[in-house]
C-alpha atoms as a PDB file:
ATOM      1  CA  MET A   1       0.000   0.000   0.000  1.00  0.00           C
ATOM      2  CA  ILE A   2       2.770   2.386   0.914  1.00  0.00           C
ATOM      3  CA  LEU A   3       4.631   1.609  -2.306  1.00  0.00           C
ATOM      4  CA  THR A   4       1.443   2.221  -4.291  1.00  0.00           C
ATOM      5  CA  LEU A   5       1.040   5.626  -2.687  1.00  0.00           C
ATOM      6  CA  ILE A   6       4.714   6.474  -3.282  1.00  0.00           C
ATOM      7  CA  GLY A   7       4.353   5.367  -6.897  1.00  0.00           C
ATOM      8  CA  LEU A   8       1.229   7.466  -7.306  1.00  0.00           C
ATOM      9  CA  PHE A   9       2.999  10.469  -5.789  1.00  0.00           C
ATOM     10  CA  VAL A  10       6.040  10.045  -8.079  1.00  0.00           C
ATOM     11  CA  LEU A  11       3.837   9.501 -11.150  1.00  0.00           C
ATOM     12  CA  LEU A  12       1.830  12.655 -10.524  1.00  0.00           C
ATOM     13  CA  ALA A  13       4.842  14.753  -9.473  1.00  0.00           C
ATOM     14  CA  SER A  14       7.020  13.758 -12.408  1.00  0.00           C
ATOM     15  CA  LYS A  15       4.586  15.049 -15.040  1.00  0.00           C
ATOM     16  CA  GLY A  16       4.370  18.504 -13.549  1.00  0.00           C
ATOM     17  CA  GLN A  17       0.875  17.790 -12.237  1.00  0.00           C
ATOM     18  CA  ASN A  18      -0.443  19.597  -9.223  1.00  0.00           C
ATOM     19  CA  LEU A  19      -0.832  17.131  -6.397  1.00  0.00           C
ATOM     20  CA  SER A  20      -4.192  17.090  -4.728  1.00  0.00           C
ATOM     21  CA  LEU A  21      -3.858  16.207  -1.074  1.00  0.00           C
ATOM     22  CA  TYR A  22      -7.582  15.529  -1.003  1.00  0.00           C
ATOM     23  CA  GLY A  23      -7.230  13.055  -3.887  1.00  0.00           C
ATOM     24  CA  LEU A  24      -4.268  11.362  -2.209  1.00  0.00           C
ATOM     25  CA  ALA A  25      -6.242  11.147   1.032  1.00  0.00           C
ATOM     26  CA  ILE A  26      -9.151   9.478  -0.772  1.00  0.00           C
ATOM     27  CA  ALA A  27      -6.777   7.096  -2.580  1.00  0.00           C
ATOM     28  CA  SER A  28      -5.102   6.240   0.728  1.00  0.00           C
ATOM     29  CA  ARG A  29      -8.431   5.605   2.403  1.00  0.00           C
ATOM     30  CA  LEU A  30      -9.595   3.394  -0.476  1.00  0.00           C
ATOM     31  CA  LEU A  31      -6.363   1.410  -0.394  1.00  0.00           C
ATOM     32  CA  LEU A  32      -6.771   0.881   3.335  1.00  0.00           C
ATOM     33  CA  LEU A  33     -10.404  -0.176   2.961  1.00  0.00           C
ATOM     34  CA  TYR A  34      -9.437  -2.520   0.119  1.00  0.00           C
ATOM     35  CA  ARG A  35      -6.801  -4.119   2.345  1.00  0.00           C
ATOM     36  CA  ILE A  36      -9.348  -4.488   5.152  1.00  0.00           C
ATOM     37  CA  GLN A  37     -11.768  -6.105   2.710  1.00  0.00           C
ATOM     38  CA  ILE A  38      -9.132  -8.574   1.465  1.00  0.00           C
ATOM     39  CA  THR A  39      -8.143  -9.418   5.040  1.00  0.00           C
ATOM     40  CA  ALA A  40     -11.795  -9.919   5.983  1.00  0.00           C
ATOM     41  CA  LEU A  41     -12.270 -12.202   2.982  1.00  0.00           C
ATOM     42  CA  GLU A  42      -9.215 -14.252   3.930  1.00  0.00           C
ATOM     43  CA  ILE A  43     -10.429 -14.576   7.515  1.00  0.00           C
ATOM     44  CA  SER A  44     -13.894 -15.505   6.281  1.00  0.00           C
ATOM     45  CA  TYR A  45     -12.461 -18.307   4.119  1.00  0.00           C
ATOM     46  CA  GLU A  46     -10.373 -19.532   7.038  1.00  0.00           C
ATOM     47  CA  VAL A  47     -13.014 -19.564   9.792  1.00  0.00           C
ATOM     48  CA  GLY A  48     -16.192 -19.731   7.680  1.00  0.00           C
ATOM     49  CA  ALA A  49     -18.776 -17.106   6.786  1.00  0.00           C
ATOM     50  CA  VAL A  50     -21.052 -17.909   9.722  1.00  0.00           C
ATOM     51  CA  THR A  51     -18.317 -17.595  12.337  1.00  0.00           C
ATOM     52  CA  PHE A  52     -16.870 -14.472  10.725  1.00  0.00           C
ATOM     53  CA  ASN A  53     -20.219 -12.671  10.496  1.00  0.00           C
ATOM     54  CA  PHE A  54     -21.107 -13.718  14.031  1.00  0.00           C
ATOM     55  CA  PHE A  55     -17.968 -12.080  15.404  1.00  0.00           C
ATOM     56  CA  VAL A  56     -18.294  -8.979  13.200  1.00  0.00           C
ATOM     57  CA  SER A  57     -21.874  -8.528  14.404  1.00  0.00           C
ATOM     58  CA  LEU A  58     -20.826  -9.164  18.000  1.00  0.00           C
ATOM     59  CA  LEU A  59     -18.083  -6.560  17.637  1.00  0.00           C
ATOM     60  CA  GLY A  60     -20.637  -4.090  16.277  1.00  0.00           C
ATOM     61  CA  LEU A  61     -22.906  -4.794  19.233  1.00  0.00           C
ATOM     62  CA  LEU A  62     -20.025  -4.246  21.654  1.00  0.00           C
ATOM     63  CA  ILE A  63     -19.112  -0.957  19.962  1.00  0.00           C
ATOM     64  CA  LEU A  64     -22.738   0.175  20.188  1.00  0.00           C
ATOM     65  CA  LEU A  65     -22.904  -0.797  23.852  1.00  0.00           C
ATOM     66  CA  GLY A  66     -19.596   0.986  24.434  1.00  0.00           C
ATOM     67  CA  THR A  67     -20.894   4.204  22.888  1.00  0.00           C
ATOM     68  CA  TYR A  68     -24.062   3.837  24.914  1.00  0.00           C
ATOM     69  CA  LEU A  69     -22.395   3.164  28.251  1.00  0.00           C
ATOM     70  CA  LEU A  70     -19.205   5.230  28.034  1.00  0.00           C
ATOM     71  CA  PRO A  71     -19.176   9.020  27.644  1.00  0.00           C
ATOM     72  CA  PHE A  72     -17.720   9.438  24.126  1.00  0.00           C
ATOM     73  CA  GLY A  73     -19.688  12.578  23.379  1.00  0.00           C
ATOM     74  CA  ILE A  74     -22.160  10.598  21.288  1.00  0.00           C
ATOM     75  CA  ASP A  75     -25.683  11.286  22.432  1.00  0.00           C
ATOM     76  CA  ILE A  76     -27.776   8.142  22.315  1.00  0.00           C
ATOM     77  CA  SER A  77     -31.015   8.635  24.154  1.00  0.00           C
ATOM     78  CA  PRO A  78     -32.973   5.397  24.324  1.00  0.00           C
ATOM     79  CA  SER A  79     -35.751   4.770  26.751  1.00  0.00           C
ATOM     80  CA  ARG A  80     -34.730   5.112  30.369  1.00  0.00           C
ATOM     81  CA  SER A  81     -36.862   2.128  31.411  1.00  0.00           C
ATOM     82  CA  LEU A  82     -35.857  -1.482  31.855  1.00  0.00           C
ATOM     83  CA  VAL A  83     -38.050  -2.415  28.881  1.00  0.00           C
ATOM     84  CA  GLY A  84     -36.124   0.056  26.707  1.00  0.00           C
ATOM     85  CA  HIS A  85     -32.771  -1.367  27.774  1.00  0.00           C
ATOM     86  CA  LEU A  86     -33.953  -4.938  27.211  1.00  0.00           C
ATOM     87  CA  SER A  87     -35.299  -3.935  23.800  1.00  0.00           C
ATOM     88  CA  ILE A  88     -31.922  -2.571  22.725  1.00  0.00           C
ATOM     89  CA  LEU A  89     -30.115  -5.647  24.008  1.00  0.00           C
ATOM     90  CA  GLY A  90     -32.686  -7.980  22.453  1.00  0.00           C
ATOM     91  CA  ASN A  91     -32.453  -6.187  19.129  1.00  0.00           C
ATOM     92  CA  GLY A  92     -28.679  -6.630  19.084  1.00  0.00           C
ATOM     93  CA  VAL A  93     -28.834 -10.290  20.086  1.00  0.00           C
ATOM     94  CA  PHE A  94     -31.538 -11.137  17.550  1.00  0.00           C
ATOM     95  CA  TYR A  95     -29.674  -9.206  14.852  1.00  0.00           C
ATOM     96  CA  ILE A  96     -26.641 -11.417  15.414  1.00  0.00           C
ATOM     97  CA  VAL A  97     -28.727 -14.585  15.569  1.00  0.00           C
ATOM     98  CA  SER A  98     -30.552 -13.645  12.360  1.00  0.00           C
ATOM     99  CA  TRP A  99     -27.260 -13.260  10.444  1.00  0.00           C
ATOM    100  CA  VAL A 100     -25.962 -16.581  11.724  1.00  0.00           C
ATOM    101  CA  ILE A 101     -29.211 -18.285  10.688  1.00  0.00           C
ATOM    102  CA  PHE A 102     -29.135 -16.523   7.310  1.00  0.00           C
ATOM    103  CA  PHE A 103     -25.633 -17.750   6.457  1.00  0.00           C
ATOM    104  CA  GLU A 104     -26.256 -21.254   7.776  1.00  0.00           C
ATOM    105  CA  SER A 105     -29.479 -21.547   5.812  1.00  0.00           C
ATOM    106  CA  SER A 106     -27.711 -20.218   2.702  1.00  0.00           C
ATOM    107  CA  ARG A 107     -25.283 -23.072   3.040  1.00  0.00           C
ATOM    108  CA  ILE A 108     -28.030 -25.645   3.612  1.00  0.00           C
ATOM    109  CA  ILE A 109     -30.861 -24.591   1.259  1.00  0.00           C
ATOM    110  CA  GLY A 110     -29.099 -22.157  -1.078  1.00  0.00           C
ATOM    111  CA  ALA A 111     -28.774 -18.382  -1.246  1.00  0.00           C
ATOM    112  CA  THR A 112     -31.812 -17.713  -3.462  1.00  0.00           C
ATOM    113  CA  ARG A 113     -34.233 -19.613  -1.283  1.00  0.00           C
ATOM    114  CA  THR A 114     -32.760 -18.111   1.860  1.00  0.00           C
ATOM    115  CA  ALA A 115     -33.027 -14.568   0.486  1.00  0.00           C
ATOM    116  CA  LEU A 116     -36.651 -15.039  -0.489  1.00  0.00           C
ATOM    117  CA  LEU A 117     -37.560 -16.696   2.786  1.00  0.00           C
ATOM    118  CA  SER A 118     -35.997 -13.766   4.629  1.00  0.00           C
ATOM    119  CA  CYS A 119     -38.904 -11.727   3.235  1.00  0.00           C
ATOM    120  CA  SER A 120     -40.978 -13.382   5.974  1.00  0.00           C
ATOM    121  CA  GLU A 121     -39.217 -11.256   8.620  1.00  0.00           C
ATOM    122  CA  PRO A 122     -41.744  -8.378   8.397  1.00  0.00           C
ATOM    123  CA  LEU A 123     -44.552 -10.911   8.722  1.00  0.00           C
ATOM    124  CA  PHE A 124     -43.170 -12.206  11.997  1.00  0.00           C
ATOM    125  CA  ALA A 125     -42.579  -8.655  13.203  1.00  0.00           C
ATOM    126  CA  ALA A 126     -46.219  -7.773  12.474  1.00  0.00           C
ATOM    127  CA  ILE A 127     -47.549 -10.922  14.165  1.00  0.00           C
ATOM    128  CA  LEU A 128     -45.373 -10.349  17.248  1.00  0.00           C
ATOM    129  CA  ALA A 129     -46.347  -6.663  17.410  1.00  0.00           C
ATOM    130  CA  ILE A 130     -50.022  -7.570  17.836  1.00  0.00           C
ATOM    131  CA  PRO A 131     -49.747  -9.251  21.262  1.00  0.00           C
ATOM    132  CA  LEU A 132     -46.520  -7.625  22.480  1.00  0.00           C
ATOM    133  CA  LEU A 133     -47.174  -3.997  21.518  1.00  0.00           C
ATOM    134  CA  GLY A 134     -50.943  -3.973  21.117  1.00  0.00           C
ATOM    135  CA  GLN A 135     -50.570  -3.151  17.421  1.00  0.00           C
ATOM    136  CA  ASN A 136     -53.676  -3.336  15.238  1.00  0.00           C
ATOM    137  CA  LEU A 137     -53.201  -3.913  11.525  1.00  0.00           C
ATOM    138  CA  SER A 138     -55.395  -2.071   9.045  1.00  0.00           C
ATOM    139  CA  THR A 139     -57.216  -3.859   6.260  1.00  0.00           C
ATOM    140  CA  LEU A 140     -54.561  -2.743   3.781  1.00  0.00           C
ATOM    141  CA  GLU A 141     -51.760  -4.017   6.060  1.00  0.00           C
ATOM    142  CA  TRP A 142     -53.495  -7.396   6.423  1.00  0.00           C
ATOM    143  CA  LEU A 143     -53.857  -7.520   2.625  1.00  0.00           C
ATOM    144  CA  GLY A 144     -50.129  -6.856   2.198  1.00  0.00           C
ATOM    145  CA  PHE A 145     -49.390  -9.455   4.885  1.00  0.00           C
ATOM    146  CA  PHE A 146     -51.342 -12.158   3.048  1.00  0.00           C
ATOM    147  CA  ILE A 147     -49.916 -11.199  -0.362  1.00  0.00           C
ATOM    148  CA  VAL A 148     -46.362 -11.652   0.980  1.00  0.00           C
ATOM    149  CA  LEU A 149     -47.347 -14.892   2.721  1.00  0.00           C
ATOM    150  CA  LEU A 150     -49.063 -16.239  -0.415  1.00  0.00           C
ATOM    151  CA  SER A 151     -46.071 -15.350  -2.614  1.00  0.00           C
ATOM    152  CA  LEU A 152     -43.694 -17.136  -0.228  1.00  0.00           C
ATOM    153  CA  ILE A 153     -45.916 -20.220  -0.201  1.00  0.00           C
ATOM    154  CA  MET A 154     -46.126 -20.196  -4.015  1.00  0.00           C
ATOM    155  CA  PHE A 155     -42.355 -19.853  -4.281  1.00  0.00           C
ATOM    156  CA  GLU A 156     -41.783 -22.758  -1.890  1.00  0.00           C
ATOM    157  CA  LYS A 157     -44.299 -24.968  -3.730  1.00  0.00           C
ATOM    158  CA  SER A 158     -42.647 -24.276  -7.080  1.00  0.00           C
ATOM    159  CA  SER A 159     -39.010 -24.456  -5.964  1.00  0.00           C
ATOM    160  CA  VAL A 160     -36.906 -27.470  -6.758  1.00  0.00           C
ATOM    161  CA  PRO A 161     -35.558 -29.238  -3.634  1.00  0.00           C
ATOM    162  CA  ARG A 162     -31.801 -28.867  -3.165  1.00  0.00           C
ATOM    163  CA  ASN A 163     -29.796 -32.056  -2.947  1.00  0.00           C
END
C-alpha cells in the first residue's frame, strides 16, 4: 500500500501535475479499505462465513454498547426504562442470531431460497407486534401481509428441492 502511494505520488509529481492532497487522502483511504476487505475475505475463508459474520456482528454490538455506556460525546437517548434497555439488548442479540441463521441456511438450502424466505421477517414482526405492543393492523396491512405470505408459499411450492 505504501509503495502504491509512493508510486502514485512520483507519477503525478514527475509530469508537472499539481498534487491534490484531497485526492491522495481518498486514494489512501480506499487502499486501506481494500486491504481491510481482502483481510476480511481471507479470515472468512479460514473460519467460515457464519463464524466471521457472528464475530463482526458481536463486535458491532459491543461498539454500540460501548458508545451507549461510556461518555464518548455521542448522544444516544434510548428509553430510560428497563423495557427500553432490554429492547436494545434484544435487538442486538436477535440481529446477530438472524445473520448466523441466514448464512447457515444459505449453506443448507441455497442463497436464493434463503433470500426469499428472509422476506418473511416483516410478517413475523407484524404478528409479534399484535400481542406484544398492542398493534392493530389495518385492512390494507393485512392484505399486504397475506400477499407476501401467499407469494412465499407459491415460491416454496414451485421451488426445486436442493440435494
